[in-house]
């Protein structure tokens, strides 16, 4: 496989990025960049033909079920909230008490 990056390119990148690398780390950085760029080369070679892919939208073929307005007019929200609070198993100082989330 051909070399994608070399010391001259790395030196140019170091100058552009205004970072200071030690010569000891230069070899490791070159090797890491080489691996990263090899992955990008592999991605270039993948043949992605999206024209042959059929879109699948709404596979379930379900419809929204909406209640009629007449039904919603008959609900007394205040009564239903009071009933809900009364049916809650544990209360403390006027608040609904739940088990702790974190202990």
PDB file of N, CA and C in Angstrom:
ATOM      1  N   UNK A   1       0.839  -1.180   0.000  1.00  0.00           N
ATOM      2  CA  UNK A   1       0.000   0.000   0.000  1.00  0.00           C
ATOM      3  C   UNK A   1       0.884   1.243   0.000  1.00  0.00           C
ATOM      4  N   UNK A   2       0.479   2.234  -0.765  1.00  0.00           N
ATOM      5  CA  UNK A   2       1.286   3.448  -0.841  1.00  0.00           C
ATOM      6  C   UNK A   2       1.190   4.251   0.449  1.00  0.00           C
ATOM      7  N   UNK A   3       2.234   4.997   0.719  1.00  0.00           N
ATOM      8  CA  UNK A   3       2.250   5.820   1.919  1.00  0.00           C
ATOM      9  C   UNK A   3       1.391   7.060   1.674  1.00  0.00           C
ATOM     10  N   UNK A   4       0.445   7.297   2.566  1.00  0.00           N
ATOM     11  CA  UNK A   4      -0.485   8.401   2.392  1.00  0.00           C
ATOM     12  C   UNK A   4       0.077   9.693   2.975  1.00  0.00           C
ATOM     13  N   UNK A   5       0.799   9.564   4.069  1.00  0.00           N
ATOM     14  CA  UNK A   5       1.340  10.741   4.745  1.00  0.00           C
ATOM     15  C   UNK A   5       2.822  10.517   5.008  1.00  0.00           C
ATOM     16  N   UNK A   6       3.594  11.599   4.947  1.00  0.00           N
ATOM     17  CA  UNK A   6       5.030  11.496   5.214  1.00  0.00           C
ATOM     18  C   UNK A   6       5.460  12.626   6.153  1.00  0.00           C
ATOM     19  N   UNK A   7       6.762  12.679   6.449  1.00  0.00           N
ATOM     20  CA  UNK A   7       7.269  13.669   7.403  1.00  0.00           C
ATOM     21  C   UNK A   7       7.067  15.097   6.915  1.00  0.00           C
ATOM     22  N   UNK A   8       7.172  15.316   5.599  1.00  0.00           N
ATOM     23  CA  UNK A   8       6.994  16.667   5.066  1.00  0.00           C
ATOM     24  C   UNK A   8       5.537  17.138   5.247  1.00  0.00           C
ATOM     25  N   UNK A   9       4.590  16.249   4.983  1.00  0.00           N
ATOM     26  CA  UNK A   9       3.173  16.609   5.158  1.00  0.00           C
ATOM     27  C   UNK A   9       2.879  16.853   6.633  1.00  0.00           C
ATOM     28  N   UNK A  10       3.443  15.998   7.493  1.00  0.00           N
ATOM     29  CA  UNK A  10       3.249  16.179   8.931  1.00  0.00           C
ATOM     30  C   UNK A  10       3.834  17.511   9.385  1.00  0.00           C
ATOM     31  N   UNK A  11       5.008  17.858   8.901  1.00  0.00           N
ATOM     32  CA  UNK A  11       5.630  19.136   9.260  1.00  0.00           C
ATOM     33  C   UNK A  11       4.742  20.303   8.831  1.00  0.00           C
ATOM     34  N   UNK A  12       4.142  20.182   7.646  1.00  0.00           N
ATOM     35  CA  UNK A  12       3.245  21.236   7.157  1.00  0.00           C
ATOM     36  C   UNK A  12       1.993  21.335   8.045  1.00  0.00           C
ATOM     37  N   UNK A  13       1.434  20.188   8.429  1.00  0.00           N
ATOM     38  CA  UNK A  13       0.261  20.185   9.310  1.00  0.00           C
ATOM     39  C   UNK A  13       0.588  20.768  10.682  1.00  0.00           C
ATOM     40  N   UNK A  14       1.771  20.461  11.190  1.00  0.00           N
ATOM     41  CA  UNK A  14       2.209  21.003  12.481  1.00  0.00           C
ATOM     42  C   UNK A  14       2.311  22.513  12.396  1.00  0.00           C
ATOM     43  N   UNK A  15       2.849  23.008  11.291  1.00  0.00           N
ATOM     44  CA  UNK A  15       2.983  24.460  11.102  1.00  0.00           C
ATOM     45  C   UNK A  15       1.605  25.121  11.010  1.00  0.00           C
ATOM     46  N   UNK A  16       0.697  24.513  10.252  1.00  0.00           N
ATOM     47  CA  UNK A  16      -0.640  25.083  10.098  1.00  0.00           C
ATOM     48  C   UNK A  16      -1.425  25.080  11.408  1.00  0.00           C
ATOM     49  N   UNK A  17      -1.283  24.008  12.183  1.00  0.00           N
ATOM     50  CA  UNK A  17      -2.045  23.892  13.422  1.00  0.00           C
ATOM     51  C   UNK A  17      -1.382  24.615  14.590  1.00  0.00           C
ATOM     52  N   UNK A  18      -0.162  25.047  14.385  1.00  0.00           N
ATOM     53  CA  UNK A  18       0.588  25.774  15.411  1.00  0.00           C
ATOM     54  C   UNK A  18       0.704  24.973  16.708  1.00  0.00           C
ATOM     55  N   UNK A  19       0.971  23.678  16.548  1.00  0.00           N
ATOM     56  CA  UNK A  19       1.220  22.842  17.717  1.00  0.00           C
ATOM     57  C   UNK A  19       2.679  22.421  17.687  1.00  0.00           C
ATOM     58  N   UNK A  20       3.198  22.126  18.841  1.00  0.00           N
ATOM     59  CA  UNK A  20       4.592  21.723  18.953  1.00  0.00           C
ATOM     60  C   UNK A  20       4.642  20.246  19.320  1.00  0.00           C
ATOM     61  N   UNK A  21       5.191  19.437  18.424  1.00  0.00           N
ATOM     62  CA  UNK A  21       5.334  18.016  18.747  1.00  0.00           C
ATOM     63  C   UNK A  21       6.817  17.695  18.864  1.00  0.00           C
ATOM     64  N   UNK A  22       7.102  16.751  19.713  1.00  0.00           N
ATOM     65  CA  UNK A  22       8.497  16.343  19.883  1.00  0.00           C
ATOM     66  C   UNK A  22       8.816  15.283  18.840  1.00  0.00           C
ATOM     67  N   UNK A  23      10.085  15.218  18.471  1.00  0.00           N
ATOM     68  CA  UNK A  23      10.506  14.249  17.457  1.00  0.00           C
ATOM     69  C   UNK A  23      10.245  12.815  17.907  1.00  0.00           C
ATOM     70  N   UNK A  24      10.232  12.598  19.211  1.00  0.00           N
ATOM     71  CA  UNK A  24       9.974  11.262  19.748  1.00  0.00           C
ATOM     72  C   UNK A  24       8.566  10.819  19.368  1.00  0.00           C
ATOM     73  N   UNK A  25       7.607  11.732  19.433  1.00  0.00           N
ATOM     74  CA  UNK A  25       6.211  11.407  19.148  1.00  0.00           C
ATOM     75  C   UNK A  25       5.896  11.455  17.662  1.00  0.00           C
ATOM     76  N   UNK A  26       6.792  11.969  16.862  1.00  0.00           N
ATOM     77  CA  UNK A  26       6.552  12.127  15.428  1.00  0.00           C
ATOM     78  C   UNK A  26       6.225  10.789  14.758  1.00  0.00           C
ATOM     79  N   UNK A  27       6.977   9.752  15.104  1.00  0.00           N
ATOM     80  CA  UNK A  27       6.756   8.434  14.518  1.00  0.00           C
ATOM     81  C   UNK A  27       5.388   7.867  14.872  1.00  0.00           C
ATOM     82  N   UNK A  28       4.968   8.024  16.132  1.00  0.00           N
ATOM     83  CA  UNK A  28       3.661   7.532  16.561  1.00  0.00           C
ATOM     84  C   UNK A  28       2.546   8.314  15.882  1.00  0.00           C
ATOM     85  N   UNK A  29       2.706   9.625  15.785  1.00  0.00           N
ATOM     86  CA  UNK A  29       1.686  10.455  15.137  1.00  0.00           C
ATOM     87  C   UNK A  29       1.567  10.075  13.659  1.00  0.00           C
ATOM     88  N   UNK A  30       2.702   9.863  12.997  1.00  0.00           N
ATOM     89  CA  UNK A  30       2.670   9.453  11.588  1.00  0.00           C
ATOM     90  C   UNK A  30       1.950   8.112  11.423  1.00  0.00           C
ATOM     91  N   UNK A  31       2.232   7.170  12.307  1.00  0.00           N
ATOM     92  CA  UNK A  31       1.593   5.857  12.225  1.00  0.00           C
ATOM     93  C   UNK A  31       0.088   5.960  12.473  1.00  0.00           C
ATOM     94  N   UNK A  32      -0.312   6.761  13.474  1.00  0.00           N
ATOM     95  CA  UNK A  32      -1.736   6.928  13.773  1.00  0.00           C
ATOM     96  C   UNK A  32      -2.471   7.596  12.617  1.00  0.00           C
ATOM     97  N   UNK A  33      -1.883   8.661  12.072  1.00  0.00           N
ATOM     98  CA  UNK A  33      -2.509   9.351  10.942  1.00  0.00           C
ATOM     99  C   UNK A  33      -2.606   8.438   9.724  1.00  0.00           C
ATOM    100  N   UNK A  34      -1.599   7.609   9.522  1.00  0.00           N
ATOM    101  CA  UNK A  34      -1.597   6.669   8.403  1.00  0.00           C
ATOM    102  C   UNK A  34      -2.780   5.694   8.530  1.00  0.00           C
ATOM    103  N   UNK A  35      -2.999   5.179   9.750  1.00  0.00           N
ATOM    104  CA  UNK A  35      -4.123   4.262   9.977  1.00  0.00           C
ATOM    105  C   UNK A  35      -5.467   4.950   9.732  1.00  0.00           C
ATOM    106  N   UNK A  36      -5.580   6.171  10.224  1.00  0.00           N
ATOM    107  CA  UNK A  36      -6.829   6.927  10.044  1.00  0.00           C
ATOM    108  C   UNK A  36      -7.090   7.166   8.559  1.00  0.00           C
ATOM    109  N   UNK A  37      -6.083   7.588   7.838  1.00  0.00           N
ATOM    110  CA  UNK A  37      -6.258   7.875   6.416  1.00  0.00           C
ATOM    111  C   UNK A  37      -6.501   6.604   5.606  1.00  0.00           C
ATOM    112  N   UNK A  38      -5.958   5.470   6.057  1.00  0.00           N
ATOM    113  CA  UNK A  38      -6.247   4.195   5.386  1.00  0.00           C
ATOM    114  C   UNK A  38      -7.731   3.857   5.495  1.00  0.00           C
ATOM    115  N   UNK A  39      -8.319   4.148   6.656  1.00  0.00           N
ATOM    116  CA  UNK A  39      -9.755   3.905   6.821  1.00  0.00           C
ATOM    117  C   UNK A  39     -10.561   4.761   5.845  1.00  0.00           C
ATOM    118  N   UNK A  40     -10.149   6.010   5.662  1.00  0.00           N
ATOM    119  CA  UNK A  40     -10.850   6.872   4.717  1.00  0.00           C
ATOM    120  C   UNK A  40     -10.696   6.358   3.288  1.00  0.00           C
ATOM    121  N   UNK A  41      -9.536   5.811   2.962  1.00  0.00           N
ATOM    122  CA  UNK A  41      -9.338   5.233   1.632  1.00  0.00           C
ATOM    123  C   UNK A  41     -10.279   4.048   1.422  1.00  0.00           C
ATOM    124  N   UNK A  42     -10.468   3.231   2.467  1.00  0.00           N
ATOM    125  CA  UNK A  42     -11.397   2.104   2.374  1.00  0.00           C
ATOM    126  C   UNK A  42     -12.820   2.608   2.129  1.00  0.00           C
ATOM    127  N   UNK A  43     -13.190   3.689   2.806  1.00  0.00           N
ATOM    128  CA  UNK A  43     -14.530   4.238   2.621  1.00  0.00           C
ATOM    129  C   UNK A  43     -14.742   4.753   1.200  1.00  0.00           C
ATOM    130  N   UNK A  44     -13.693   5.265   0.596  1.00  0.00           N
ATOM    131  CA  UNK A  44     -13.803   5.747  -0.785  1.00  0.00           C
ATOM    132  C   UNK A  44     -14.108   4.590  -1.739  1.00  0.00           C
ATOM    133  N   UNK A  45     -13.636   3.412  -1.409  1.00  0.00           N
ATOM    134  CA  UNK A  45     -13.793   2.261  -2.286  1.00  0.00           C
ATOM    135  C   UNK A  45     -15.133   1.552  -2.131  1.00  0.00           C
ATOM    136  N   UNK A  46     -15.916   1.936  -1.148  1.00  0.00           N
ATOM    137  CA  UNK A  46     -17.219   1.305  -0.957  1.00  0.00           C
ATOM    138  C   UNK A  46     -18.174   1.832  -2.019  1.00  0.00           C
ATOM    139  N   UNK A  47     -18.826   0.895  -2.697  1.00  0.00           N
ATOM    140  CA  UNK A  47     -19.778   1.276  -3.727  1.00  0.00           C
ATOM    141  C   UNK A  47     -21.151   1.430  -3.090  1.00  0.00           C
ATOM    142  N   UNK A  48     -21.593   2.654  -2.987  1.00  0.00           N
ATOM    143  CA  UNK A  48     -22.902   2.919  -2.413  1.00  0.00           C
ATOM    144  C   UNK A  48     -23.824   3.349  -3.548  1.00  0.00           C
ATOM    145  N   UNK A  49     -24.755   2.471  -3.865  1.00  0.00           N
ATOM    146  CA  UNK A  49     -25.697   2.770  -4.937  1.00  0.00           C
ATOM    147  C   UNK A  49     -27.068   2.948  -4.308  1.00  0.00           C
ATOM    148  N   UNK A  50     -27.403   4.174  -3.960  1.00  0.00           N
ATOM    149  CA  UNK A  50     -28.661   4.416  -3.260  1.00  0.00           C
ATOM    150  C   UNK A  50     -29.857   4.459  -4.201  1.00  0.00           C
ATOM    151  N   UNK A  51     -29.628   4.469  -5.481  1.00  0.00           N
ATOM    152  CA  UNK A  51     -30.756   4.517  -6.422  1.00  0.00           C
ATOM    153  C   UNK A  51     -31.549   3.222  -6.414  1.00  0.00           C
ATOM    154  N   UNK A  52     -30.924   2.112  -6.052  1.00  0.00           N
ATOM    155  CA  UNK A  52     -31.599   0.822  -6.065  1.00  0.00           C
ATOM    156  C   UNK A  52     -32.260   0.482  -4.726  1.00  0.00           C
ATOM    157  N   UNK A  53     -32.144   1.371  -3.766  1.00  0.00           N
ATOM    158  CA  UNK A  53     -32.723   1.119  -2.452  1.00  0.00           C
ATOM    159  C   UNK A  53     -34.124   1.720  -2.420  1.00  0.00           C
ATOM    160  N   UNK A  54     -35.093   0.875  -2.110  1.00  0.00           N
ATOM    161  CA  UNK A  54     -36.471   1.351  -2.011  1.00  0.00           C
ATOM    162  C   UNK A  54     -36.711   1.872  -0.602  1.00  0.00           C
ATOM    163  N   UNK A  55     -37.328   3.031  -0.527  1.00  0.00           N
ATOM    164  CA  UNK A  55     -37.636   3.605   0.769  1.00  0.00           C
ATOM    165  C   UNK A  55     -38.816   2.879   1.382  1.00  0.00           C
ATOM    166  N   UNK A  56     -38.730   2.655   2.669  1.00  0.00           N
ATOM    167  CA  UNK A  56     -39.833   2.006   3.375  1.00  0.00           C
ATOM    168  C   UNK A  56     -40.368   2.989   4.405  1.00  0.00           C
ATOM    169  N   UNK A  57     -41.531   3.527   4.112  1.00  0.00           N
ATOM    170  CA  UNK A  57     -42.144   4.508   4.995  1.00  0.00           C
ATOM    171  C   UNK A  57     -43.462   3.949   5.500  1.00  0.00           C
ATOM    172  N   UNK A  58     -43.689   4.061   6.798  1.00  0.00           N
ATOM    173  CA  UNK A  58     -44.924   3.638   7.439  1.00  0.00           C
ATOM    174  C   UNK A  58     -45.267   2.189   7.097  1.00  0.00           C
ATOM    175  N   UNK A  59     -44.455   1.288   7.598  1.00  0.00           N
ATOM    176  CA  UNK A  59     -44.653  -0.131   7.344  1.00  0.00           C
ATOM    177  C   UNK A  59     -45.908  -0.669   8.037  1.00  0.00           C
ATOM    178  N   UNK A  60     -46.349  -0.043   9.124  1.00  0.00           N
ATOM    179  CA  UNK A  60     -47.459  -0.576   9.915  1.00  0.00           C
ATOM    180  C   UNK A  60     -48.822  -0.291   9.300  1.00  0.00           C
ATOM    181  N   UNK A  61     -48.938   0.679   8.452  1.00  0.00           N
ATOM    182  CA  UNK A  61     -50.210   1.078   7.837  1.00  0.00           C
ATOM    183  C   UNK A  61     -51.290   1.291   8.889  1.00  0.00           C
ATOM    184  N   UNK A  62     -50.953   2.050   9.912  1.00  0.00           N
ATOM    185  CA  UNK A  62     -51.928   2.349  10.958  1.00  0.00           C
ATOM    186  C   UNK A  62     -52.446   3.769  10.769  1.00  0.00           C
ATOM    187  N   UNK A  63     -53.572   4.040  11.382  1.00  0.00           N
ATOM    188  CA  UNK A  63     -54.172   5.363  11.289  1.00  0.00           C
ATOM    189  C   UNK A  63     -54.342   5.919  12.690  1.00  0.00           C
ATOM    190  N   UNK A  64     -54.359   7.237  12.796  1.00  0.00           N
ATOM    191  CA  UNK A  64     -54.590   7.868  14.090  1.00  0.00           C
ATOM    192  C   UNK A  64     -56.045   7.688  14.495  1.00  0.00           C
ATOM    193  N   UNK A  65     -56.249   7.393  15.753  1.00  0.00           N
ATOM    194  CA  UNK A  65     -57.596   7.268  16.287  1.00  0.00           C
ATOM    195  C   UNK A  65     -57.813   8.463  17.202  1.00  0.00           C
ATOM    196  N   UNK A  66     -58.771   9.307  16.854  1.00  0.00           N
ATOM    197  CA  UNK A  66     -59.018  10.528  17.598  1.00  0.00           C
ATOM    198  C   UNK A  66     -60.430  10.482  18.170  1.00  0.00           C
ATOM    199  N   UNK A  67     -60.530  10.896  19.412  1.00  0.00           N
ATOM    200  CA  UNK A  67     -61.827  10.924  20.071  1.00  0.00           C
ATOM    201  C   UNK A  67     -62.658  12.091  19.534  1.00  0.00           C
ATOM    202  N   UNK A  68     -63.973  11.920  19.440  1.00  0.00           N
ATOM    203  CA  UNK A  68     -64.864  12.995  18.998  1.00  0.00           C
ATOM    204  C   UNK A  68     -64.894  14.111  20.029  1.00  0.00           C
ATOM    205  N   UNK A  69     -65.173  15.332  19.588  1.00  0.00           N
ATOM    206  CA  UNK A  69     -65.225  16.471  20.497  1.00  0.00           C
ATOM    207  C   UNK A  69     -66.293  16.319  21.572  1.00  0.00           C
ATOM    208  N   UNK A  70     -67.415  15.669  21.229  1.00  0.00           N
ATOM    209  CA  UNK A  70     -68.478  15.519  22.215  1.00  0.00           C
ATOM    210  C   UNK A  70     -67.986  14.741  23.430  1.00  0.00           C
ATOM    211  N   UNK A  71     -67.170  13.737  23.210  1.00  0.00           N
ATOM    212  CA  UNK A  71     -66.663  12.930  24.308  1.00  0.00           C
ATOM    213  C   UNK A  71     -65.768  13.746  25.234  1.00  0.00           C
ATOM    214  N   UNK A  72     -64.944  14.608  24.664  1.00  0.00           N
ATOM    215  CA  UNK A  72     -64.013  15.383  25.489  1.00  0.00           C
ATOM    216  C   UNK A  72     -64.728  16.470  26.272  1.00  0.00           C
ATOM    217  N   UNK A  73     -65.907  16.939  25.819  1.00  0.00           N
ATOM    218  CA  UNK A  73     -66.653  17.975  26.546  1.00  0.00           C
ATOM    219  C   UNK A  73     -67.243  17.419  27.833  1.00  0.00           C
ATOM    220  N   UNK A  74     -67.496  16.124  27.885  1.00  0.00           N
ATOM    221  CA  UNK A  74     -68.139  15.519  29.039  1.00  0.00           C
ATOM    222  C   UNK A  74     -67.173  15.210  30.182  1.00  0.00           C
ATOM    223  N   UNK A  75     -65.889  15.404  29.978  1.00  0.00           N
ATOM    224  CA  UNK A  75     -64.909  15.083  31.021  1.00  0.00           C
ATOM    225  C   UNK A  75     -64.723  16.286  31.934  1.00  0.00           C
ATOM    226  N   UNK A  76     -64.845  16.052  33.221  1.00  0.00           N
ATOM    227  CA  UNK A  76     -64.619  17.098  34.212  1.00  0.00           C
ATOM    228  C   UNK A  76     -63.182  16.931  34.702  1.00  0.00           C
ATOM    229  N   UNK A  77     -62.293  17.798  34.226  1.00  0.00           N
ATOM    230  CA  UNK A  77     -60.864  17.643  34.534  1.00  0.00           C
ATOM    231  C   UNK A  77     -60.581  17.787  36.024  1.00  0.00           C
ATOM    232  N   UNK A  78     -61.274  18.682  36.693  1.00  0.00           N
ATOM    233  CA  UNK A  78     -61.036  18.897  38.119  1.00  0.00           C
ATOM    234  C   UNK A  78     -61.374  17.632  38.918  1.00  0.00           C
ATOM    235  N   UNK A  79     -62.486  17.028  38.615  1.00  0.00           N
ATOM    236  CA  UNK A  79     -62.884  15.812  39.310  1.00  0.00           C
ATOM    237  C   UNK A  79     -61.900  14.686  39.029  1.00  0.00           C
ATOM    238  N   UNK A  80     -61.470  14.539  37.787  1.00  0.00           N
ATOM    239  CA  UNK A  80     -60.547  13.454  37.463  1.00  0.00           C
ATOM    240  C   UNK A  80     -59.196  13.650  38.141  1.00  0.00           C
ATOM    241  N   UNK A  81     -58.722  14.901  38.290  1.00  0.00           N
ATOM    242  CA  UNK A  81     -57.458  15.156  38.982  1.00  0.00           C
ATOM    243  C   UNK A  81     -57.581  14.830  40.478  1.00  0.00           C
ATOM    244  N   UNK A  82     -58.691  15.215  41.075  1.00  0.00           N
ATOM    245  CA  UNK A  82     -58.905  14.935  42.499  1.00  0.00           C
ATOM    246  C   UNK A  82     -58.958  13.435  42.729  1.00  0.00           C
ATOM    247  N   UNK A  83     -59.668  12.729  41.867  1.00  0.00           N
ATOM    248  CA  UNK A  83     -59.750  11.273  42.004  1.00  0.00           C
ATOM    249  C   UNK A  83     -58.377  10.627  41.865  1.00  0.00           C
ATOM    250  N   UNK A  84     -57.582  11.143  40.955  1.00  0.00           N
ATOM    251  CA  UNK A  84     -56.235  10.609  40.759  1.00  0.00           C
ATOM    252  C   UNK A  84     -55.389  10.809  42.009  1.00  0.00           C
ATOM    253  N   UNK A  85     -55.442  12.010  42.567  1.00  0.00           N
ATOM    254  CA  UNK A  85     -54.653  12.302  43.774  1.00  0.00           C
ATOM    255  C   UNK A  85     -55.117  11.428  44.947  1.00  0.00           C
ATOM    256  N   UNK A  86     -56.430  11.240  45.075  1.00  0.00           N
ATOM    257  CA  UNK A  86     -56.949  10.413  46.166  1.00  0.00           C
ATOM    258  C   UNK A  86     -56.515   8.956  46.022  1.00  0.00           C
ATOM    259  N   UNK A  87     -56.368   8.503  44.801  1.00  0.00           N
ATOM    260  CA  UNK A  87     -56.000   7.104  44.594  1.00  0.00           C
ATOM    261  C   UNK A  87     -54.496   6.857  44.689  1.00  0.00           C
ATOM    262  N   UNK A  88     -53.688   7.922  44.838  1.00  0.00           N
ATOM    263  CA  UNK A  88     -52.238   7.748  44.931  1.00  0.00           C
ATOM    264  C   UNK A  88     -51.895   7.080  46.254  1.00  0.00           C
ATOM    265  N   UNK A  89     -51.016   6.090  46.271  1.00  0.00           N
ATOM    266  CA  UNK A  89     -50.791   5.298  47.492  1.00  0.00           C
ATOM    267  C   UNK A  89     -50.112   6.043  48.637  1.00  0.00           C
ATOM    268  N   UNK A  90     -49.236   7.022  48.363  1.00  0.00           N
ATOM    269  CA  UNK A  90     -48.482   7.631  49.454  1.00  0.00           C
ATOM    270  C   UNK A  90     -48.403   9.144  49.240  1.00  0.00           C
ATOM    271  N   UNK A  91     -48.721   9.899  50.303  1.00  0.00           N
ATOM    272  CA  UNK A  91     -48.653  11.361  50.245  1.00  0.00           C
ATOM    273  C   UNK A  91     -47.945  11.863  51.493  1.00  0.00           C
ATOM    274  N   UNK A  92     -47.311  13.041  51.342  1.00  0.00           N
ATOM    275  CA  UNK A  92     -46.651  13.657  52.491  1.00  0.00           C
ATOM    276  C   UNK A  92     -46.707  15.168  52.330  1.00  0.00           C
ATOM    277  N   UNK A  93     -47.252  15.861  53.311  1.00  0.00           N
ATOM    278  CA  UNK A  93     -47.368  17.325  53.332  1.00  0.00           C
ATOM    279  C   UNK A  93     -48.019  17.867  52.057  1.00  0.00           C
ATOM    280  N   UNK A  94     -49.020  17.207  51.575  1.00  0.00           N
ATOM    281  CA  UNK A  94     -49.750  17.675  50.402  1.00  0.00           C
ATOM    282  C   UNK A  94     -49.120  17.302  49.071  1.00  0.00           C
ATOM    283  N   UNK A  95     -47.989  16.605  49.106  1.00  0.00           N
ATOM    284  CA  UNK A  95     -47.311  16.183  47.878  1.00  0.00           C
ATOM    285  C   UNK A  95     -47.465  14.676  47.691  1.00  0.00           C
ATOM    286  N   UNK A  96     -47.427  14.262  46.437  1.00  0.00           N
ATOM    287  CA  UNK A  96     -47.451  12.836  46.131  1.00  0.00           C
ATOM    288  C   UNK A  96     -46.056  12.293  46.346  1.00  0.00           C
ATOM    289  N   UNK A  97     -45.932  11.224  47.082  1.00  0.00           N
ATOM    290  CA  UNK A  97     -44.622  10.695  47.443  1.00  0.00           C
ATOM    291  C   UNK A  97     -44.330   9.454  46.602  1.00  0.00           C
ATOM    292  N   UNK A  98     -43.134   9.436  46.025  1.00  0.00           N
ATOM    293  CA  UNK A  98     -42.709   8.286  45.218  1.00  0.00           C
ATOM    294  C   UNK A  98     -41.431   7.709  45.820  1.00  0.00           C
ATOM    295  N   UNK A  99     -41.102   6.463  45.486  1.00  0.00           N
ATOM    296  CA  UNK A  99     -39.843   5.899  45.988  1.00  0.00           C
ATOM    297  C   UNK A  99     -38.657   6.696  45.439  1.00  0.00           C
ATOM    298  N   UNK A 100     -37.565   6.754  46.197  1.00  0.00           N
ATOM    299  CA  UNK A 100     -36.388   7.513  45.723  1.00  0.00           C
ATOM    300  C   UNK A 100     -35.811   6.909  44.456  1.00  0.00           C
ATOM    301  N   UNK A 101     -35.333   7.784  43.596  1.00  0.00           N
ATOM    302  CA  UNK A 101     -34.699   7.341  42.351  1.00  0.00           C
ATOM    303  C   UNK A 101     -33.259   6.926  42.640  1.00  0.00           C
ATOM    304  N   UNK A 102     -32.558   7.734  43.430  1.00  0.00           N
ATOM    305  CA  UNK A 102     -31.172   7.436  43.799  1.00  0.00           C
ATOM    306  C   UNK A 102     -31.107   7.286  45.307  1.00  0.00           C
ATOM    307  N   UNK A 103     -30.328   6.329  45.740  1.00  0.00           N
ATOM    308  CA  UNK A 103     -30.171   6.148  47.190  1.00  0.00           C
ATOM    309  C   UNK A 103     -28.753   6.381  47.587  1.00  0.00           C
TER     310      UNK A 103
END
